[in-house]
PDB file of N, CA and C in Angstrom:
ATOM      1  N   MET A   1    -172.663 -87.567  10.116  1.00  0.00           N
ATOM      2  CA  MET A   1    -173.023 -85.930  10.165  1.00  0.00           C
ATOM      3  C   MET A   1    -172.453 -85.213   9.157  1.00  0.00           C
ATOM      4  N   THR A   2    -173.545 -84.309   8.520  1.00  0.00           N
ATOM      5  CA  THR A   2    -173.162 -83.713   7.190  1.00  0.00           C
ATOM      6  C   THR A   2    -173.000 -82.065   7.796  1.00  0.00           C
ATOM      7  N   ILE A   3    -172.698 -81.325   6.408  1.00  0.00           N
ATOM      8  CA  ILE A   3    -171.608 -80.153   6.201  1.00  0.00           C
ATOM      9  C   ILE A   3    -172.912 -79.593   6.502  1.00  0.00           C
ATOM     10  N   ALA A   4    -172.725 -78.128   7.423  1.00  0.00           N
ATOM     11  CA  ALA A   4    -173.960 -77.212   7.362  1.00  0.00           C
ATOM     12  C   ALA A   4    -173.702 -77.097   5.691  1.00  0.00           C
ATOM     13  N   HIS A   5    -174.450 -76.456   4.913  1.00  0.00           N
ATOM     14  CA  HIS A   5    -174.151 -75.704   3.523  1.00  0.00           C
ATOM     15  C   HIS A   5    -173.579 -74.810   3.561  1.00  0.00           C
ATOM     16  N   THR A   6    -174.251 -73.428   4.438  1.00  0.00           N
ATOM     17  CA  THR A   6    -172.714 -71.995   4.637  1.00  0.00           C
ATOM     18  C   THR A   6    -171.432 -72.721   4.610  1.00  0.00           C
ATOM     19  N   LEU A   7    -171.408 -74.067   5.529  1.00  0.00           N
ATOM     20  CA  LEU A   7    -170.175 -74.033   5.576  1.00  0.00           C
ATOM     21  C   LEU A   7    -169.063 -74.381   4.838  1.00  0.00           C
ATOM     22  N   LYS A   8    -170.141 -74.957   4.226  1.00  0.00           N
ATOM     23  CA  LYS A   8    -169.117 -75.659   2.884  1.00  0.00           C
ATOM     24  C   LYS A   8    -169.108 -74.805   1.296  1.00  0.00           C
ATOM     25  N   SER A   9    -170.254 -73.804   1.341  1.00  0.00           N
ATOM     26  CA  SER A   9    -169.708 -72.124   0.213  1.00  0.00           C
ATOM     27  C   SER A   9    -168.612 -72.101   0.461  1.00  0.00           C
ATOM     28  N   CYS A  10    -168.610 -72.089   2.092  1.00  0.00           N
ATOM     29  CA  CYS A  10    -167.084 -71.136   2.573  1.00  0.00           C
ATOM     30  C   CYS A  10    -166.270 -71.590   2.654  1.00  0.00           C
ATOM     31  N   LEU A  11    -166.189 -72.786   2.343  1.00  0.00           N
ATOM     32  CA  LEU A  11    -164.310 -74.014   2.264  1.00  0.00           C
ATOM     33  C   LEU A  11    -164.874 -74.130   0.830  1.00  0.00           C
ATOM     34  N   ASP A  12    -165.663 -73.837   0.354  1.00  0.00           N
ATOM     35  CA  ASP A  12    -165.426 -74.147  -1.320  1.00  0.00           C
ATOM     36  C   ASP A  12    -164.741 -73.176  -1.796  1.00  0.00           C
ATOM     37  N   GLN A  13    -165.906 -72.044  -1.722  1.00  0.00           N
ATOM     38  CA  GLN A  13    -165.422 -71.069  -2.229  1.00  0.00           C
ATOM     39  C   GLN A  13    -163.346 -70.217  -1.764  1.00  0.00           C
ATOM     40  N   GLU A  14    -162.997 -70.446  -0.727  1.00  0.00           N
ATOM     41  CA  GLU A  14    -162.215 -69.971  -0.402  1.00  0.00           C
ATOM     42  C   GLU A  14    -161.132 -71.349  -0.712  1.00  0.00           C
ATOM     43  N   HIS A  15    -161.275 -72.518  -1.199  1.00  0.00           N
ATOM     44  CA  HIS A  15    -160.573 -73.706  -1.671  1.00  0.00           C
ATOM     45  C   HIS A  15    -159.899 -74.136  -0.542  1.00  0.00           C
ATOM     46  N   VAL A  16    -160.607 -74.383   0.519  1.00  0.00           N
ATOM     47  CA  VAL A  16    -160.054 -74.981   1.054  1.00  0.00           C
ATOM     48  C   VAL A  16    -160.397 -76.871   1.758  1.00  0.00           C
ATOM     49  N   PRO A  17    -159.010 -77.685   1.685  1.00  0.00           N
ATOM     50  CA  PRO A  17    -158.983 -78.646   1.429  1.00  0.00           C
ATOM     51  C   PRO A  17    -159.409 -79.060   2.314  1.00  0.00           C
ATOM     52  N   TYR A  18    -160.883 -79.758   2.353  1.00  0.00           N
ATOM     53  CA  TYR A  18    -161.019 -80.816   3.735  1.00  0.00           C
ATOM     54  C   TYR A  18    -161.650 -82.468   3.605  1.00  0.00           C
ATOM     55  N   GLU A  19    -161.786 -83.121   5.027  1.00  0.00           N
ATOM     56  CA  GLU A  19    -162.376 -83.871   4.054  1.00  0.00           C
ATOM     57  C   GLU A  19    -163.853 -84.611   5.561  1.00  0.00           C
ATOM     58  N   LEU A  20    -164.672 -85.217   4.663  1.00  0.00           N
ATOM     59  CA  LEU A  20    -165.234 -85.193   5.329  1.00  0.00           C
ATOM     60  C   LEU A  20    -165.566 -87.059   6.316  1.00  0.00           C
ATOM     61  N   ILE A  21    -165.880 -86.818   7.375  1.00  0.00           N
ATOM     62  CA  ILE A  21    -165.777 -87.561   7.916  1.00  0.00           C
ATOM     63  C   ILE A  21    -166.684 -88.536   9.214  1.00  0.00           C
ATOM     64  N   ALA A  22    -166.838 -89.708   8.271  1.00  0.00           N
ATOM     65  CA  ALA A  22    -168.926 -90.499   8.781  1.00  0.00           C
ATOM     66  C   ALA A  22    -168.871 -90.735  10.477  1.00  0.00           C
ATOM     67  N   HIS A  23    -169.311 -89.451  11.181  1.00  0.00           N
ATOM     68  CA  HIS A  23    -169.029 -89.910  12.897  1.00  0.00           C
ATOM     69  C   HIS A  23    -170.760 -90.147  13.353  1.00  0.00           C
ATOM     70  N   ARG A  24    -170.660 -90.919  13.997  1.00  0.00           N
ATOM     71  CA  ARG A  24    -172.341 -90.439  14.929  1.00  0.00           C
ATOM     72  C   ARG A  24    -172.267 -89.300  14.996  1.00  0.00           C
ATOM     73  N   HIS A  25    -173.759 -88.807  15.612  1.00  0.00           N
ATOM     74  CA  HIS A  25    -174.603 -87.382  16.156  1.00  0.00           C
ATOM     75  C   HIS A  25    -173.200 -86.820  18.123  1.00  0.00           C
ATOM     76  N   THR A  26    -173.134 -86.155  17.833  1.00  0.00           N
ATOM     77  CA  THR A  26    -172.300 -85.992  18.957  1.00  0.00           C
ATOM     78  C   THR A  26    -172.101 -84.632  20.296  1.00  0.00           C
ATOM     79  N   ALA A  27    -172.351 -83.937  21.196  1.00  0.00           N
ATOM     80  CA  ALA A  27    -172.520 -82.850  22.013  1.00  0.00           C
ATOM     81  C   ALA A  27    -171.826 -82.184  22.330  1.00  0.00           C
ATOM     82  N   THR A  28    -170.261 -82.294  22.105  1.00  0.00           N
ATOM     83  CA  THR A  28    -169.232 -81.881  22.094  1.00  0.00           C
ATOM     84  C   THR A  28    -168.135 -82.685  20.834  1.00  0.00           C
ATOM     85  N   SER A  29    -167.249 -81.659  20.718  1.00  0.00           N
ATOM     86  CA  SER A  29    -166.053 -81.836  19.708  1.00  0.00           C
ATOM     87  C   SER A  29    -165.399 -83.156  20.498  1.00  0.00           C
ATOM     88  N   LEU A  30    -164.697 -82.686  21.406  1.00  0.00           N
ATOM     89  CA  LEU A  30    -164.227 -83.628  22.071  1.00  0.00           C
ATOM     90  C   LEU A  30    -165.072 -85.028  21.710  1.00  0.00           C
ATOM     91  N   ARG A  31    -166.222 -85.407  21.760  1.00  0.00           N
ATOM     92  CA  ARG A  31    -166.676 -86.538  21.602  1.00  0.00           C
ATOM     93  C   ARG A  31    -167.257 -86.651  20.305  1.00  0.00           C
ATOM     94  N   SER A  32    -166.748 -85.516  19.506  1.00  0.00           N
ATOM     95  CA  SER A  32    -166.624 -85.898  18.098  1.00  0.00           C
ATOM     96  C   SER A  32    -166.219 -86.459  16.839  1.00  0.00           C
ATOM     97  N   ALA A  33    -164.531 -85.450  17.703  1.00  0.00           N
ATOM     98  CA  ALA A  33    -162.975 -86.844  18.122  1.00  0.00           C
ATOM     99  C   ALA A  33    -162.991 -87.549  18.550  1.00  0.00           C
ATOM    100  N   GLU A  34    -163.816 -88.853  18.577  1.00  0.00           N
ATOM    101  CA  GLU A  34    -163.487 -89.768  19.469  1.00  0.00           C
ATOM    102  C   GLU A  34    -164.463 -90.660  18.670  1.00  0.00           C
ATOM    103  N   THR A  35    -165.581 -90.173  18.236  1.00  0.00           N
ATOM    104  CA  THR A  35    -166.478 -91.031  18.160  1.00  0.00           C
ATOM    105  C   THR A  35    -165.984 -91.977  16.401  1.00  0.00           C
ATOM    106  N   ALA A  36    -165.372 -90.366  15.799  1.00  0.00           N
ATOM    107  CA  ALA A  36    -164.453 -90.542  14.268  1.00  0.00           C
ATOM    108  C   ALA A  36    -162.944 -91.114  14.224  1.00  0.00           C
ATOM    109  N   HIS A  37    -162.651 -91.640  15.463  1.00  0.00           N
ATOM    110  CA  HIS A  37    -161.361 -92.248  15.649  1.00  0.00           C
ATOM    111  C   HIS A  37    -160.262 -90.887  15.444  1.00  0.00           C
ATOM    112  N   ILE A  38    -160.480 -89.456  15.496  1.00  0.00           N
ATOM    113  CA  ILE A  38    -158.951 -88.693  15.798  1.00  0.00           C
ATOM    114  C   ILE A  38    -158.747 -87.967  16.942  1.00  0.00           C
ATOM    115  N   ASP A  39    -157.206 -87.459  17.234  1.00  0.00           N
ATOM    116  CA  ASP A  39    -157.193 -87.431  17.184  1.00  0.00           C
ATOM    117  C   ASP A  39    -157.616 -86.435  18.156  1.00  0.00           C
ATOM    118  N   ALA A  40    -157.676 -85.256  19.246  1.00  0.00           N
ATOM    119  CA  ALA A  40    -158.767 -84.574  19.762  1.00  0.00           C
ATOM    120  C   ALA A  40    -157.799 -84.031  19.295  1.00  0.00           C
ATOM    121  N   ASP A  41    -156.378 -83.714  19.854  1.00  0.00           N
ATOM    122  CA  ASP A  41    -155.646 -82.003  18.839  1.00  0.00           C
ATOM    123  C   ASP A  41    -155.420 -82.317  17.686  1.00  0.00           C
ATOM    124  N   ASP A  42    -155.700 -82.683  16.837  1.00  0.00           N
ATOM    125  CA  ASP A  42    -155.989 -83.018  15.179  1.00  0.00           C
ATOM    126  C   ASP A  42    -157.561 -82.643  15.167  1.00  0.00           C
ATOM    127  N   LEU A  43    -158.333 -82.419  16.250  1.00  0.00           N
ATOM    128  CA  LEU A  43    -159.882 -81.764  15.559  1.00  0.00           C
ATOM    129  C   LEU A  43    -159.720 -79.767  16.072  1.00  0.00           C
ATOM    130  N   ALA A  44    -160.318 -78.924  15.344  1.00  0.00           N
ATOM    131  CA  ALA A  44    -160.083 -77.691  15.655  1.00  0.00           C
ATOM    132  C   ALA A  44    -161.518 -77.553  16.000  1.00  0.00           C
ATOM    133  N   LYS A  45    -162.601 -77.014  17.367  1.00  0.00           N
ATOM    134  CA  LYS A  45    -163.222 -76.466  17.893  1.00  0.00           C
ATOM    135  C   LYS A  45    -163.327 -75.196  18.063  1.00  0.00           C
ATOM    136  N   ALA A  46    -164.672 -74.617  17.637  1.00  0.00           N
ATOM    137  CA  ALA A  46    -165.264 -73.314  17.696  1.00  0.00           C
ATOM    138  C   ALA A  46    -165.271 -72.679  18.837  1.00  0.00           C
ATOM    139  N   VAL A  47    -164.871 -71.621  19.597  1.00  0.00           N
ATOM    140  CA  VAL A  47    -166.082 -71.470  20.941  1.00  0.00           C
ATOM    141  C   VAL A  47    -166.013 -69.794  20.784  1.00  0.00           C
ATOM    142  N   LEU A  48    -167.202 -69.583  20.787  1.00  0.00           N
ATOM    143  CA  LEU A  48    -168.006 -67.878  20.601  1.00  0.00           C
ATOM    144  C   LEU A  48    -168.430 -67.335  20.989  1.00  0.00           C
ATOM    145  N   LEU A  49    -167.369 -66.849  21.710  1.00  0.00           N
ATOM    146  CA  LEU A  49    -167.334 -65.345  22.901  1.00  0.00           C
ATOM    147  C   LEU A  49    -168.106 -63.831  22.661  1.00  0.00           C
ATOM    148  N   GLU A  50    -168.575 -63.722  23.433  1.00  0.00           N
ATOM    149  CA  GLU A  50    -169.076 -62.145  22.745  1.00  0.00           C
ATOM    150  C   GLU A  50    -168.543 -60.914  24.272  1.00  0.00           C
ATOM    151  N   ASP A  51    -168.447 -59.513  23.020  1.00  0.00           N
ATOM    152  CA  ASP A  51    -167.282 -58.953  23.648  1.00  0.00           C
ATOM    153  C   ASP A  51    -168.791 -58.107  25.071  1.00  0.00           C
ATOM    154  N   ASP A  52    -167.787 -58.042  26.083  1.00  0.00           N
ATOM    155  CA  ASP A  52    -168.202 -58.145  27.655  1.00  0.00           C
ATOM    156  C   ASP A  52    -168.682 -56.185  26.985  1.00  0.00           C
ATOM    157  N   LEU A  53    -168.757 -55.561  27.041  1.00  0.00           N
ATOM    158  CA  LEU A  53    -169.052 -53.982  26.404  1.00  0.00           C
ATOM    159  C   LEU A  53    -169.269 -53.761  26.132  1.00  0.00           C
ATOM    160  N   GLU A  54    -169.329 -54.328  24.437  1.00  0.00           N
ATOM    161  CA  GLU A  54    -170.563 -54.318  23.962  1.00  0.00           C
ATOM    162  C   GLU A  54    -171.417 -55.492  23.176  1.00  0.00           C
ATOM    163  N   HIS A  55    -172.486 -54.874  23.959  1.00  0.00           N
ATOM    164  CA  HIS A  55    -173.205 -56.354  23.397  1.00  0.00           C
ATOM    165  C   HIS A  55    -172.851 -56.827  21.463  1.00  0.00           C
ATOM    166  N   SER A  56    -172.907 -57.780  22.188  1.00  0.00           N
ATOM    167  CA  SER A  56    -173.445 -58.279  19.666  1.00  0.00           C
ATOM    168  C   SER A  56    -172.629 -58.638  19.343  1.00  0.00           C
ATOM    169  N   HIS A  57    -171.268 -58.123  19.719  1.00  0.00           N
ATOM    170  CA  HIS A  57    -169.723 -57.894  19.386  1.00  0.00           C
ATOM    171  C   HIS A  57    -169.174 -59.013  19.796  1.00  0.00           C
ATOM    172  N   TYR A  58    -168.985 -60.009  18.671  1.00  0.00           N
ATOM    173  CA  TYR A  58    -168.579 -61.714  18.803  1.00  0.00           C
ATOM    174  C   TYR A  58    -167.301 -61.232  18.163  1.00  0.00           C
ATOM    175  N   VAL A  59    -166.511 -62.517  19.549  1.00  0.00           N
ATOM    176  CA  VAL A  59    -165.486 -62.836  18.844  1.00  0.00           C
ATOM    177  C   VAL A  59    -165.202 -64.690  18.654  1.00  0.00           C
ATOM    178  N   MET A  60    -164.375 -66.033  17.501  1.00  0.00           N
ATOM    179  CA  MET A  60    -164.393 -66.731  17.464  1.00  0.00           C
ATOM    180  C   MET A  60    -162.768 -66.825  18.101  1.00  0.00           C
ATOM    181  N   ALA A  61    -163.616 -68.417  19.258  1.00  0.00           N
ATOM    182  CA  ALA A  61    -161.754 -68.649  18.958  1.00  0.00           C
ATOM    183  C   ALA A  61    -161.488 -69.662  18.647  1.00  0.00           C
ATOM    184  N   VAL A  62    -160.892 -70.761  18.044  1.00  0.00           N
ATOM    185  CA  VAL A  62    -160.471 -71.668  17.488  1.00  0.00           C
ATOM    186  C   VAL A  62    -159.030 -72.498  17.947  1.00  0.00           C
ATOM    187  N   LEU A  63    -159.508 -73.675  19.005  1.00  0.00           N
ATOM    188  CA  LEU A  63    -158.558 -74.609  19.751  1.00  0.00           C
ATOM    189  C   LEU A  63    -158.564 -75.985  19.053  1.00  0.00           C
ATOM    190  N   PRO A  64    -157.686 -76.857  19.455  1.00  0.00           N
ATOM    191  CA  PRO A  64    -158.575 -78.202  19.221  1.00  0.00           C
ATOM    192  C   PRO A  64    -159.180 -78.969  20.547  1.00  0.00           C
ATOM    193  N   ALA A  65    -159.832 -80.043  20.140  1.00  0.00           N
ATOM    194  CA  ALA A  65    -160.438 -80.441  21.062  1.00  0.00           C
ATOM    195  C   ALA A  65    -160.405 -80.784  22.053  1.00  0.00           C
ATOM    196  N   SER A  66    -158.687 -81.201  22.408  1.00  0.00           N
ATOM    197  CA  SER A  66    -159.225 -81.891  23.453  1.00  0.00           C
ATOM    198  C   SER A  66    -158.001 -80.220  24.462  1.00  0.00           C
ATOM    199  N   TYR A  67    -158.434 -79.250  24.124  1.00  0.00           N
ATOM    200  CA  TYR A  67    -157.872 -78.021  24.984  1.00  0.00           C
ATOM    201  C   TYR A  67    -159.619 -78.123  25.935  1.00  0.00           C
ATOM    202  N   ARG A  68    -159.389 -76.591  27.019  1.00  0.00           N
ATOM    203  CA  ARG A  68    -159.994 -75.086  27.363  1.00  0.00           C
ATOM    204  C   ARG A  68    -159.462 -74.544  26.785  1.00  0.00           C
ATOM    205  N   LEU A  69    -160.493 -73.919  26.847  1.00  0.00           N
ATOM    206  CA  LEU A  69    -160.434 -72.690  27.379  1.00  0.00           C
ATOM    207  C   LEU A  69    -160.496 -71.566  28.237  1.00  0.00           C
ATOM    208  N   VAL A  70    -159.449 -71.261  28.129  1.00  0.00           N
ATOM    209  CA  VAL A  70    -159.527 -69.917  29.658  1.00  0.00           C
ATOM    210  C   VAL A  70    -159.919 -68.779  29.093  1.00  0.00           C
ATOM    211  N   LEU A  71    -160.596 -67.525  29.894  1.00  0.00           N
ATOM    212  CA  LEU A  71    -161.023 -66.531  29.325  1.00  0.00           C
ATOM    213  C   LEU A  71    -160.278 -65.392  29.465  1.00  0.00           C
ATOM    214  N   PRO A  72    -159.729 -65.722  30.926  1.00  0.00           N
ATOM    215  CA  PRO A  72    -158.795 -64.455  31.368  1.00  0.00           C
ATOM    216  C   PRO A  72    -157.360 -64.710  30.244  1.00  0.00           C
ATOM    217  N   GLU A  73    -157.745 -65.918  29.740  1.00  0.00           N
ATOM    218  CA  GLU A  73    -156.169 -65.785  28.876  1.00  0.00           C
ATOM    219  C   GLU A  73    -156.353 -65.148  27.858  1.00  0.00           C
ATOM    220  N   VAL A  74    -157.132 -66.053  27.458  1.00  0.00           N
ATOM    221  CA  VAL A  74    -158.368 -65.254  25.655  1.00  0.00           C
ATOM    222  C   VAL A  74    -158.022 -63.737  26.343  1.00  0.00           C
ATOM    223  N   ALA A  75    -157.923 -62.698  27.121  1.00  0.00           N
ATOM    224  CA  ALA A  75    -158.571 -60.914  27.662  1.00  0.00           C
ATOM    225  C   ALA A  75    -157.872 -60.839  27.322  1.00  0.00           C
ATOM    226  N   LEU A  76    -156.326 -61.171  27.692  1.00  0.00           N
ATOM    227  CA  LEU A  76    -155.244 -60.675  27.869  1.00  0.00           C
ATOM    228  C   LEU A  76    -154.133 -60.647  26.181  1.00  0.00           C
ATOM    229  N   ARG A  77    -154.336 -61.927  25.377  1.00  0.00           N
ATOM    230  CA  ARG A  77    -154.754 -61.953  24.220  1.00  0.00           C
ATOM    231  C   ARG A  77    -155.031 -61.643  22.820  1.00  0.00           C
ATOM    232  N   ILE A  78    -156.332 -60.540  23.081  1.00  0.00           N
ATOM    233  CA  ILE A  78    -157.370 -60.136  22.323  1.00  0.00           C
ATOM    234  C   ILE A  78    -157.186 -59.057  23.279  1.00  0.00           C
ATOM    235  N   GLY A  79    -157.146 -58.571  23.906  1.00  0.00           N
ATOM    236  CA  GLY A  79    -156.729 -57.009  24.788  1.00  0.00           C
ATOM    237  C   GLY A  79    -158.589 -56.287  25.672  1.00  0.00           C
ATOM    238  N   ARG A  80    -159.250 -57.618  25.573  1.00  0.00           N
ATOM    239  CA  ARG A  80    -160.193 -57.345  25.713  1.00  0.00           C
ATOM    240  C   ARG A  80    -161.391 -57.311  26.530  1.00  0.00           C
ATOM    241  N   GLN A  81    -162.450 -57.894  27.758  1.00  0.00           N
ATOM    242  CA  GLN A  81    -163.248 -58.929  28.243  1.00  0.00           C
ATOM    243  C   GLN A  81    -164.060 -59.257  26.566  1.00  0.00           C
ATOM    244  N   VAL A  82    -164.642 -60.496  27.763  1.00  0.00           N
ATOM    245  CA  VAL A  82    -165.569 -61.259  26.998  1.00  0.00           C
ATOM    246  C   VAL A  82    -165.678 -62.253  27.138  1.00  0.00           C
ATOM    247  N   HIS A  83    -167.697 -62.990  27.429  1.00  0.00           N
ATOM    248  CA  HIS A  83    -167.332 -64.132  27.998  1.00  0.00           C
ATOM    249  C   HIS A  83    -168.083 -65.261  27.015  1.00  0.00           C
ATOM    250  N   LEU A  84    -168.462 -65.882  27.357  1.00  0.00           N
ATOM    251  CA  LEU A  84    -169.348 -67.803  26.715  1.00  0.00           C
ATOM    252  C   LEU A  84    -170.704 -66.823  26.016  1.00  0.00           C
ATOM    253  N   ALA A  85    -170.701 -66.496  24.869  1.00  0.00           N
ATOM    254  CA  ALA A  85    -171.101 -66.725  23.651  1.00  0.00           C
ATOM    255  C   ALA A  85    -173.737 -67.522  24.488  1.00  0.00           C
ATOM    256  N   THR A  86    -173.959 -67.020  24.629  1.00  0.00           N
ATOM    257  CA  THR A  86    -175.322 -68.036  24.235  1.00  0.00           C
ATOM    258  C   THR A  86    -175.813 -69.473  23.254  1.00  0.00           C
ATOM    259  N   GLU A  87    -176.460 -70.147  23.578  1.00  0.00           N
ATOM    260  CA  GLU A  87    -176.706 -71.152  22.140  1.00  0.00           C
ATOM    261  C   GLU A  87    -177.436 -70.731  21.445  1.00  0.00           C
ATOM    262  N   GLU A  88    -178.252 -69.186  21.806  1.00  0.00           N
ATOM    263  CA  GLU A  88    -179.164 -69.042  21.699  1.00  0.00           C
ATOM    264  C   GLU A  88    -178.296 -67.622  20.293  1.00  0.00           C
ATOM    265  N   ASP A  89    -177.310 -66.937  20.718  1.00  0.00           N
ATOM    266  CA  ASP A  89    -176.373 -66.443  20.325  1.00  0.00           C
ATOM    267  C   ASP A  89    -176.107 -66.862  19.326  1.00  0.00           C
ATOM    268  N   ALA A  90    -175.360 -68.029  19.034  1.00  0.00           N
ATOM    269  CA  ALA A  90    -174.567 -69.175  17.839  1.00  0.00           C
ATOM    270  C   ALA A  90    -176.382 -70.184  17.477  1.00  0.00           C
ATOM    271  N   ALA A  91    -177.184 -69.422  17.664  1.00  0.00           N
ATOM    272  CA  ALA A  91    -178.063 -69.555  17.080  1.00  0.00           C
ATOM    273  C   ALA A  91    -178.501 -69.157  15.527  1.00  0.00           C
ATOM    274  N   GLY A  92    -178.462 -68.154  15.818  1.00  0.00           N
ATOM    275  CA  GLY A  92    -179.182 -66.266  15.218  1.00  0.00           C
ATOM    276  C   GLY A  92    -178.120 -66.316  14.042  1.00  0.00           C
ATOM    277  N   LEU A  93    -176.779 -66.541  14.783  1.00  0.00           N
ATOM    278  CA  LEU A  93    -175.200 -66.838  13.987  1.00  0.00           C
ATOM    279  C   LEU A  93    -174.257 -67.318  13.211  1.00  0.00           C
ATOM    280  N   PHE A  94    -175.129 -69.145  12.833  1.00  0.00           N
ATOM    281  CA  PHE A  94    -174.547 -70.351  12.845  1.00  0.00           C
ATOM    282  C   PHE A  94    -176.612 -71.381  11.747  1.00  0.00           C
ATOM    283  N   GLU A  95    -177.393 -70.797  12.005  1.00  0.00           N
ATOM    284  CA  GLU A  95    -178.417 -70.693  11.373  1.00  0.00           C
ATOM    285  C   GLU A  95    -179.074 -72.047  10.624  1.00  0.00           C
ATOM    286  N   ASP A  96    -178.002 -72.704   9.496  1.00  0.00           N
ATOM    287  CA  ASP A  96    -178.425 -74.231   9.681  1.00  0.00           C
ATOM    288  C   ASP A  96    -177.073 -75.359  10.092  1.00  0.00           C
ATOM    289  N   CYS A  97    -176.694 -74.189  11.421  1.00  0.00           N
ATOM    290  CA  CYS A  97    -176.628 -75.317  11.931  1.00  0.00           C
ATOM    291  C   CYS A  97    -176.802 -75.556  13.369  1.00  0.00           C
ATOM    292  N   GLU A  98    -176.103 -77.038  13.397  1.00  0.00           N
ATOM    293  CA  GLU A  98    -177.197 -77.680  15.254  1.00  0.00           C
ATOM    294  C   GLU A  98    -176.474 -76.687  16.578  1.00  0.00           C
ATOM    295  N   PRO A  99    -176.969 -75.968  18.041  1.00  0.00           N
ATOM    296  CA  PRO A  99    -176.511 -74.790  18.953  1.00  0.00           C
ATOM    297  C   PRO A  99    -174.877 -75.308  19.174  1.00  0.00           C
ATOM    298  N   ALA A 100    -174.584 -76.648  18.462  1.00  0.00           N
ATOM    299  CA  ALA A 100    -173.062 -76.720  18.812  1.00  0.00           C
ATOM    300  C   ALA A 100    -172.994 -78.050  18.747  1.00  0.00           C
ATOM    301  N   PRO A 101    -171.428 -77.796  18.021  1.00  0.00           N
ATOM    302  CA  PRO A 101    -170.323 -77.380  17.882  1.00  0.00           C
ATOM    303  C   PRO A 101    -170.576 -76.621  16.823  1.00  0.00           C
ATOM    304  N   PHE A 102    -170.159 -76.098  16.508  1.00  0.00           N
ATOM    305  CA  PHE A 102    -170.603 -75.252  15.261  1.00  0.00           C
ATOM    306  C   PHE A 102    -168.872 -74.855  14.312  1.00  0.00           C
ATOM    307  N   PRO A 103    -169.546 -74.950  12.848  1.00  0.00           N
ATOM    308  CA  PRO A 103    -167.773 -75.021  12.399  1.00  0.00           C
ATOM    309  C   PRO A 103    -166.889 -73.445  12.819  1.00  0.00           C
ATOM    310  N   PRO A 104    -165.988 -73.367  12.786  1.00  0.00           N
ATOM    311  CA  PRO A 104    -164.148 -72.214  12.940  1.00  0.00           C
ATOM    312  C   PRO A 104    -164.556 -71.412  11.941  1.00  0.00           C
ATOM    313  N   SER A 105    -165.550 -70.578  11.578  1.00  0.00           N
ATOM    314  CA  SER A 105    -165.323 -70.035  10.258  1.00  0.00           C
ATOM    315  C   SER A 105    -165.905 -67.658  10.712  1.00  0.00           C
ATOM    316  N   ASP A 106    -165.192 -67.242   9.640  1.00  0.00           N
ATOM    317  CA  ASP A 106    -165.138 -65.587  10.125  1.00  0.00           C
ATOM    318  C   ASP A 106    -166.857 -65.415   9.395  1.00  0.00           C
ATOM    319  N   ARG A 107    -167.016 -66.115   9.160  1.00  0.00           N
ATOM    320  CA  ARG A 107    -168.829 -65.152   8.145  1.00  0.00           C
ATOM    321  C   ARG A 107    -169.114 -65.060   9.371  1.00  0.00           C
ATOM    322  N   PRO A 108    -170.392 -65.675  10.003  1.00  0.00           N
ATOM    323  CA  PRO A 108    -171.255 -65.224  10.779  1.00  0.00           C
ATOM    324  C   PRO A 108    -171.127 -64.480  11.779  1.00  0.00           C
ATOM    325  N   THR A 109    -168.923 -64.078  11.922  1.00  0.00           N
ATOM    326  CA  THR A 109    -169.088 -63.152  12.949  1.00  0.00           C
ATOM    327  C   THR A 109    -168.494 -61.267  12.445  1.00  0.00           C
ATOM    328  N   GLY A 110    -168.502 -61.775  11.842  1.00  0.00           N
ATOM    329  CA  GLY A 110    -167.796 -60.736  10.668  1.00  0.00           C
ATOM    330  C   GLY A 110    -166.580 -60.532  11.206  1.00  0.00           C
ATOM    331  N   SER A 111    -165.753 -61.042  12.071  1.00  0.00           N
ATOM    332  CA  SER A 111    -164.177 -61.174  12.459  1.00  0.00           C
ATOM    333  C   SER A 111    -162.772 -62.457  12.057  1.00  0.00           C
ATOM    334  N   LYS A 112    -161.667 -62.012  12.134  1.00  0.00           N
ATOM    335  CA  LYS A 112    -161.364 -62.739  12.515  1.00  0.00           C
ATOM    336  C   LYS A 112    -161.407 -64.308  13.449  1.00  0.00           C
ATOM    337  N   PRO A 113    -160.911 -65.395  13.448  1.00  0.00           N
ATOM    338  CA  PRO A 113    -161.188 -66.040  14.223  1.00  0.00           C
ATOM    339  C   PRO A 113    -159.767 -66.800  14.893  1.00  0.00           C
ATOM    340  N   TRP A 114    -159.851 -66.517  16.536  1.00  0.00           N
ATOM    341  CA  TRP A 114    -158.881 -66.494  17.188  1.00  0.00           C
ATOM    342  C   TRP A 114    -158.470 -67.852  17.653  1.00  0.00           C
ATOM    343  N   SER A 115    -157.061 -67.960  17.754  1.00  0.00           N
ATOM    344  CA  SER A 115    -156.546 -69.664  17.719  1.00  0.00           C
ATOM    345  C   SER A 115    -155.107 -69.816  18.202  1.00  0.00           C
ATOM    346  N   THR A 116    -155.062 -70.362  18.985  1.00  0.00           N
ATOM    347  CA  THR A 116    -154.029 -70.462  20.024  1.00  0.00           C
ATOM    348  C   THR A 116    -153.238 -71.189  19.597  1.00  0.00           C
ATOM    349  N   THR A 117    -151.417 -72.033  19.463  1.00  0.00           N
ATOM    350  CA  THR A 117    -150.709 -73.710  19.431  1.00  0.00           C
ATOM    351  C   THR A 117    -150.749 -72.860  20.888  1.00  0.00           C
ATOM    352  N   ALA A 118    -150.597 -73.097  21.463  1.00  0.00           N
ATOM    353  CA  ALA A 118    -149.982 -72.957  23.206  1.00  0.00           C
ATOM    354  C   ALA A 118    -151.492 -73.922  24.305  1.00  0.00           C
TER     355      ALA A 118
END
């Protein structure tokens, strides 16, 4: 896999250390971890969510690839109802990335990613 130009620029601009690990193309973060021989707990996945009441207002949840996102829990933690954004929404925000998975970054959404450690 290669890294999207916008993600590389963001990481470099913020001086974030990262390592590119070659692996075959996959459709999910969990499969990416498996193919790259990385523990799924050590690979972050990003899930794009849209506010139920405010169309085109997005928040990104970032969690280990091995976790499943529970939308009612997210709603409790962030104080508003959300649903999964569509692949079309993601494609509009992450123009140089594949529809999924996409990188955890606050640049396209304009809001800080939400993450959990539990």
